[in-house]
Amino acid sequence: MSSNIQAMIANVSVENLDDAIPFYKELAGTEEVRRFPYRELELALVGPFLLYSGPVENYVSQTATVLVGSLDPVLDALGKAGAEILEEPNEVPNGTRIVARHLDGSVFEYLQLRA
């Protein structure tokens, strides 16, 4: 049986993407950077790091982004556990996401990438 979880991405709030990207490229050992906007935020995916800059105070702080093959089993497990869905499934630039608060108070974004 294979896991529905494909990867975990660390969320990192930075003051300035242009200043932060070179360090995270070197740390991740990659030259690939994928930049994209989300609402009022500017984001950059650099290896296992999701850098974001902008008015972060308008958003719930997330522990990490969890890349999943399908949101269905995640929603099922969250429902069974009594977790709080903070953001229902919605389309974002790279797929479909939800944000949930676990019973221990931690907040995770779950993202099903667009095929």
N, C-alpha and C. Protein backbone atom coordinates (compact mmCIF):
# COMPACT_ATOMS: atom_id res chain seq x y z
N MET A 1 0.84 -1.18 0.00
CA MET A 1 0.00 0.00 0.00
C MET A 1 0.89 1.24 0.00
N SER A 2 0.65 2.13 -0.93
CA SER A 2 1.47 3.34 -0.98
C SER A 2 0.77 4.47 -0.24
N SER A 3 1.56 5.39 0.24
CA SER A 3 1.04 6.52 1.01
C SER A 3 0.42 7.56 0.10
N ASN A 4 -0.64 8.17 0.55
CA ASN A 4 -1.26 9.28 -0.16
C ASN A 4 -0.39 10.53 -0.06
N ILE A 5 0.42 10.61 1.00
CA ILE A 5 1.30 11.77 1.19
C ILE A 5 2.52 11.61 0.29
N GLN A 6 2.74 12.59 -0.58
CA GLN A 6 3.84 12.54 -1.53
C GLN A 6 5.05 13.32 -1.08
N ALA A 7 4.84 14.41 -0.32
CA ALA A 7 5.96 15.23 0.15
C ALA A 7 5.45 16.23 1.18
N MET A 8 6.38 16.76 1.97
CA MET A 8 6.08 17.84 2.91
C MET A 8 6.93 19.03 2.51
N ILE A 9 6.33 20.18 2.55
CA ILE A 9 7.03 21.41 2.19
C ILE A 9 7.01 22.35 3.39
N ALA A 10 8.17 22.82 3.78
CA ALA A 10 8.27 23.76 4.91
C ALA A 10 7.84 25.14 4.45
N ASN A 11 6.96 25.77 5.20
CA ASN A 11 6.51 27.13 4.91
C ASN A 11 7.40 28.12 5.65
N VAL A 12 7.95 29.09 4.90
CA VAL A 12 8.88 30.04 5.49
C VAL A 12 8.46 31.46 5.11
N SER A 13 8.14 32.26 6.11
CA SER A 13 7.80 33.66 5.87
C SER A 13 9.10 34.46 5.78
N VAL A 14 9.25 35.21 4.70
CA VAL A 14 10.46 36.02 4.52
C VAL A 14 10.06 37.46 4.22
N GLU A 15 10.94 38.37 4.54
CA GLU A 15 10.69 39.79 4.30
C GLU A 15 10.68 40.10 2.81
N ASN A 16 11.66 39.53 2.08
CA ASN A 16 11.83 39.85 0.66
C ASN A 16 12.23 38.58 -0.09
N LEU A 17 11.41 38.17 -1.05
CA LEU A 17 11.72 36.95 -1.81
C LEU A 17 13.05 37.04 -2.54
N ASP A 18 13.30 38.16 -3.20
CA ASP A 18 14.53 38.29 -3.98
C ASP A 18 15.77 38.14 -3.12
N ASP A 19 15.70 38.62 -1.88
CA ASP A 19 16.84 38.49 -0.97
C ASP A 19 16.98 37.07 -0.43
N ALA A 20 15.86 36.39 -0.22
CA ALA A 20 15.87 35.07 0.41
C ALA A 20 16.15 33.93 -0.55
N ILE A 21 15.73 34.06 -1.79
CA ILE A 21 15.82 32.95 -2.75
C ILE A 21 17.24 32.41 -2.93
N PRO A 22 18.28 33.23 -3.08
CA PRO A 22 19.63 32.65 -3.27
C PRO A 22 20.05 31.71 -2.14
N PHE A 23 19.77 32.08 -0.89
CA PHE A 23 20.12 31.22 0.24
C PHE A 23 19.39 29.89 0.16
N TYR A 24 18.07 29.92 -0.10
CA TYR A 24 17.29 28.69 -0.13
C TYR A 24 17.64 27.83 -1.34
N LYS A 25 18.04 28.44 -2.46
CA LYS A 25 18.52 27.67 -3.61
C LYS A 25 19.77 26.90 -3.23
N GLU A 26 20.70 27.57 -2.57
CA GLU A 26 21.93 26.91 -2.16
C GLU A 26 21.66 25.82 -1.13
N LEU A 27 20.81 26.13 -0.16
CA LEU A 27 20.47 25.17 0.88
C LEU A 27 19.81 23.92 0.29
N ALA A 28 18.90 24.11 -0.67
CA ALA A 28 18.19 22.99 -1.28
C ALA A 28 19.00 22.31 -2.38
N GLY A 29 20.08 22.95 -2.82
CA GLY A 29 20.89 22.38 -3.88
C GLY A 29 20.17 22.37 -5.21
N THR A 30 19.46 23.45 -5.50
CA THR A 30 18.69 23.53 -6.75
C THR A 30 18.79 24.92 -7.36
N GLU A 31 18.64 24.98 -8.64
CA GLU A 31 18.55 26.26 -9.35
C GLU A 31 17.10 26.58 -9.68
N GLU A 32 16.24 25.57 -9.55
CA GLU A 32 14.83 25.73 -9.93
C GLU A 32 14.06 26.51 -8.88
N VAL A 33 13.39 27.56 -9.34
CA VAL A 33 12.54 28.38 -8.49
C VAL A 33 11.23 28.60 -9.24
N ARG A 34 10.15 28.31 -8.58
CA ARG A 34 8.83 28.55 -9.18
C ARG A 34 8.13 29.64 -8.38
N ARG A 35 7.98 30.81 -8.99
CA ARG A 35 7.33 31.94 -8.32
C ARG A 35 5.89 32.06 -8.79
N PHE A 36 5.01 32.44 -7.86
CA PHE A 36 3.60 32.64 -8.21
C PHE A 36 2.92 33.45 -7.13
N PRO A 37 1.86 34.16 -7.51
CA PRO A 37 1.10 34.92 -6.51
C PRO A 37 -0.02 34.07 -5.92
N TYR A 38 -0.42 34.40 -4.71
CA TYR A 38 -1.62 33.83 -4.10
C TYR A 38 -2.26 34.93 -3.28
N ARG A 39 -3.41 35.38 -3.74
CA ARG A 39 -4.10 36.51 -3.14
C ARG A 39 -3.12 37.67 -3.03
N GLU A 40 -2.87 38.20 -1.80
CA GLU A 40 -1.94 39.34 -1.68
C GLU A 40 -0.49 38.90 -1.45
N LEU A 41 -0.24 37.62 -1.44
CA LEU A 41 1.10 37.11 -1.15
C LEU A 41 1.86 36.81 -2.43
N GLU A 42 3.17 36.90 -2.33
CA GLU A 42 4.07 36.43 -3.39
C GLU A 42 4.76 35.19 -2.84
N LEU A 43 4.78 34.11 -3.62
CA LEU A 43 5.35 32.86 -3.17
C LEU A 43 6.44 32.39 -4.11
N ALA A 44 7.34 31.58 -3.56
CA ALA A 44 8.39 30.96 -4.37
C ALA A 44 8.65 29.57 -3.80
N LEU A 45 8.53 28.57 -4.65
CA LEU A 45 8.84 27.20 -4.27
C LEU A 45 10.28 26.93 -4.66
N VAL A 46 11.10 26.64 -3.65
CA VAL A 46 12.52 26.37 -3.85
C VAL A 46 12.82 25.04 -3.17
N GLY A 47 12.91 23.99 -3.96
CA GLY A 47 13.11 22.66 -3.37
C GLY A 47 11.99 22.37 -2.39
N PRO A 48 12.32 21.98 -1.14
CA PRO A 48 11.29 21.66 -0.15
C PRO A 48 10.82 22.87 0.66
N PHE A 49 11.13 24.07 0.20
CA PHE A 49 10.76 25.28 0.93
C PHE A 49 9.76 26.11 0.13
N LEU A 50 8.68 26.52 0.77
CA LEU A 50 7.73 27.44 0.17
C LEU A 50 7.91 28.78 0.89
N LEU A 51 8.56 29.70 0.18
CA LEU A 51 8.80 31.03 0.73
C LEU A 51 7.60 31.90 0.41
N TYR A 52 7.19 32.71 1.36
CA TYR A 52 6.10 33.63 1.09
C TYR A 52 6.38 34.97 1.74
N SER A 53 5.92 36.00 1.03
CA SER A 53 6.15 37.37 1.47
C SER A 53 4.89 38.17 1.21
N GLY A 54 4.60 39.09 2.09
CA GLY A 54 3.41 39.92 1.95
C GLY A 54 2.71 40.03 3.29
N PRO A 55 1.44 40.44 3.27
CA PRO A 55 0.70 40.64 4.52
C PRO A 55 0.29 39.31 5.16
N VAL A 56 1.26 38.60 5.74
CA VAL A 56 1.00 37.28 6.31
C VAL A 56 0.05 37.34 7.50
N GLU A 57 -0.09 38.51 8.09
CA GLU A 57 -0.99 38.63 9.24
C GLU A 57 -2.45 38.39 8.84
N ASN A 58 -2.75 38.43 7.54
CA ASN A 58 -4.11 38.17 7.05
C ASN A 58 -4.41 36.68 6.91
N TYR A 59 -3.44 35.82 7.23
CA TYR A 59 -3.59 34.39 7.02
C TYR A 59 -3.27 33.62 8.30
N VAL A 60 -3.85 32.44 8.40
CA VAL A 60 -3.55 31.55 9.52
C VAL A 60 -2.17 30.95 9.28
N SER A 61 -1.33 30.99 10.30
CA SER A 61 0.01 30.42 10.18
C SER A 61 -0.07 28.91 10.04
N GLN A 62 0.60 28.36 9.04
CA GLN A 62 0.57 26.94 8.75
C GLN A 62 1.89 26.28 9.15
N THR A 63 1.81 25.08 9.67
CA THR A 63 2.99 24.33 10.04
C THR A 63 3.76 23.90 8.79
N ALA A 64 3.04 23.40 7.80
CA ALA A 64 3.66 22.91 6.57
C ALA A 64 2.59 22.72 5.51
N THR A 65 3.04 22.52 4.28
CA THR A 65 2.17 22.13 3.18
C THR A 65 2.43 20.65 2.92
N VAL A 66 1.35 19.88 2.85
CA VAL A 66 1.46 18.44 2.61
C VAL A 66 0.93 18.17 1.21
N LEU A 67 1.80 17.67 0.33
CA LEU A 67 1.39 17.31 -1.02
C LEU A 67 0.80 15.91 -0.98
N VAL A 68 -0.43 15.78 -1.52
CA VAL A 68 -1.12 14.50 -1.48
C VAL A 68 -1.56 14.09 -2.88
N GLY A 69 -1.71 12.79 -3.07
CA GLY A 69 -2.22 12.28 -4.33
C GLY A 69 -3.68 12.60 -4.52
N SER A 70 -4.44 12.59 -3.41
CA SER A 70 -5.87 12.87 -3.45
C SER A 70 -6.30 13.51 -2.14
N LEU A 71 -7.16 14.52 -2.23
CA LEU A 71 -7.69 15.15 -1.02
C LEU A 71 -8.78 14.31 -0.36
N ASP A 72 -9.40 13.40 -1.10
CA ASP A 72 -10.53 12.63 -0.56
C ASP A 72 -10.17 11.87 0.73
N PRO A 73 -9.10 11.06 0.76
CA PRO A 73 -8.80 10.36 2.00
C PRO A 73 -8.37 11.31 3.13
N VAL A 74 -7.80 12.44 2.77
CA VAL A 74 -7.42 13.44 3.78
C VAL A 74 -8.67 13.99 4.43
N LEU A 75 -9.64 14.40 3.61
CA LEU A 75 -10.90 14.94 4.14
C LEU A 75 -11.61 13.89 5.00
N ASP A 76 -11.57 12.63 4.58
CA ASP A 76 -12.18 11.56 5.35
C ASP A 76 -11.50 11.42 6.72
N ALA A 77 -10.18 11.36 6.73
CA ALA A 77 -9.43 11.21 7.98
C ALA A 77 -9.63 12.42 8.90
N LEU A 78 -9.62 13.61 8.32
CA LEU A 78 -9.82 14.82 9.12
C LEU A 78 -11.22 14.82 9.74
N GLY A 79 -12.21 14.42 8.95
CA GLY A 79 -13.58 14.36 9.45
C GLY A 79 -13.73 13.36 10.58
N LYS A 80 -13.15 12.18 10.41
CA LYS A 80 -13.22 11.15 11.45
C LYS A 80 -12.56 11.60 12.74
N ALA A 81 -11.48 12.39 12.62
CA ALA A 81 -10.74 12.84 13.79
C ALA A 81 -11.38 14.06 14.45
N GLY A 82 -12.33 14.70 13.76
CA GLY A 82 -12.94 15.91 14.31
C GLY A 82 -12.11 17.15 14.10
N ALA A 83 -11.24 17.13 13.09
CA ALA A 83 -10.42 18.31 12.79
C ALA A 83 -11.30 19.42 12.23
N GLU A 84 -10.84 20.64 12.35
CA GLU A 84 -11.57 21.81 11.86
C GLU A 84 -11.06 22.19 10.47
N ILE A 85 -11.94 22.22 9.49
CA ILE A 85 -11.57 22.65 8.14
C ILE A 85 -11.66 24.18 8.12
N LEU A 86 -10.52 24.83 8.00
CA LEU A 86 -10.46 26.30 8.00
C LEU A 86 -10.74 26.87 6.62
N GLU A 87 -10.31 26.15 5.59
CA GLU A 87 -10.58 26.55 4.20
C GLU A 87 -11.01 25.31 3.44
N GLU A 88 -12.23 25.34 2.96
CA GLU A 88 -12.77 24.22 2.16
C GLU A 88 -11.95 24.08 0.87
N PRO A 89 -12.07 22.93 0.19
CA PRO A 89 -11.33 22.76 -1.06
C PRO A 89 -11.55 23.92 -2.02
N ASN A 90 -10.44 24.47 -2.50
CA ASN A 90 -10.51 25.56 -3.48
C ASN A 90 -9.34 25.47 -4.43
N GLU A 91 -9.57 25.99 -5.63
CA GLU A 91 -8.54 25.96 -6.67
C GLU A 91 -7.52 27.06 -6.43
N VAL A 92 -6.25 26.70 -6.56
CA VAL A 92 -5.13 27.63 -6.46
C VAL A 92 -4.28 27.44 -7.72
N PRO A 93 -3.27 28.28 -7.93
CA PRO A 93 -2.50 28.19 -9.18
C PRO A 93 -1.94 26.81 -9.51
N ASN A 94 -1.62 25.99 -8.50
CA ASN A 94 -0.97 24.71 -8.80
C ASN A 94 -1.81 23.49 -8.42
N GLY A 95 -3.08 23.67 -8.10
CA GLY A 95 -3.92 22.52 -7.78
C GLY A 95 -5.13 22.88 -6.94
N THR A 96 -5.52 21.94 -6.07
CA THR A 96 -6.65 22.14 -5.16
C THR A 96 -6.14 21.99 -3.74
N ARG A 97 -6.57 22.90 -2.85
CA ARG A 97 -6.04 22.88 -1.50
C ARG A 97 -7.14 22.98 -0.47
N ILE A 98 -6.81 22.52 0.74
CA ILE A 98 -7.62 22.77 1.92
C ILE A 98 -6.66 23.18 3.02
N VAL A 99 -7.19 23.83 4.04
CA VAL A 99 -6.41 24.15 5.23
C VAL A 99 -7.21 23.62 6.41
N ALA A 100 -6.53 22.88 7.30
CA ALA A 100 -7.21 22.26 8.43
C ALA A 100 -6.42 22.45 9.72
N ARG A 101 -7.17 22.61 10.82
CA ARG A 101 -6.55 22.65 12.15
C ARG A 101 -6.77 21.28 12.78
N HIS A 102 -5.67 20.61 13.13
CA HIS A 102 -5.74 19.32 13.77
C HIS A 102 -6.16 19.49 15.23
N LEU A 103 -6.53 18.42 15.87
CA LEU A 103 -6.99 18.49 17.25
C LEU A 103 -5.92 19.01 18.21
N ASP A 104 -4.64 18.85 17.83
CA ASP A 104 -3.56 19.36 18.68
C ASP A 104 -3.30 20.85 18.45
N GLY A 105 -4.06 21.48 17.55
CA GLY A 105 -3.92 22.91 17.28
C GLY A 105 -3.03 23.23 16.09
N SER A 106 -2.29 22.26 15.58
CA SER A 106 -1.42 22.53 14.43
C SER A 106 -2.27 22.72 13.18
N VAL A 107 -1.78 23.56 12.28
CA VAL A 107 -2.51 23.89 11.05
C VAL A 107 -1.68 23.44 9.85
N PHE A 108 -2.30 22.68 8.96
CA PHE A 108 -1.64 22.20 7.76
C PHE A 108 -2.44 22.57 6.53
N GLU A 109 -1.72 22.89 5.48
CA GLU A 109 -2.32 23.02 4.16
C GLU A 109 -2.12 21.68 3.47
N TYR A 110 -3.16 21.15 2.87
CA TYR A 110 -3.07 19.92 2.08
C TYR A 110 -3.33 20.31 0.64
N LEU A 111 -2.42 19.90 -0.25
CA LEU A 111 -2.47 20.31 -1.66
C LEU A 111 -2.43 19.11 -2.57
N GLN A 112 -3.46 19.00 -3.41
CA GLN A 112 -3.47 18.00 -4.48
C GLN A 112 -3.05 18.73 -5.74
N LEU A 113 -1.86 18.40 -6.23
CA LEU A 113 -1.33 19.08 -7.41
C LEU A 113 -2.16 18.79 -8.64
N ARG A 114 -2.23 19.77 -9.52
CA ARG A 114 -2.91 19.60 -10.78
C ARG A 114 -2.12 18.61 -11.63
N ALA A 115 -2.82 17.71 -12.28
CA ALA A 115 -2.15 16.67 -13.09
C ALA A 115 -1.57 17.25 -14.36
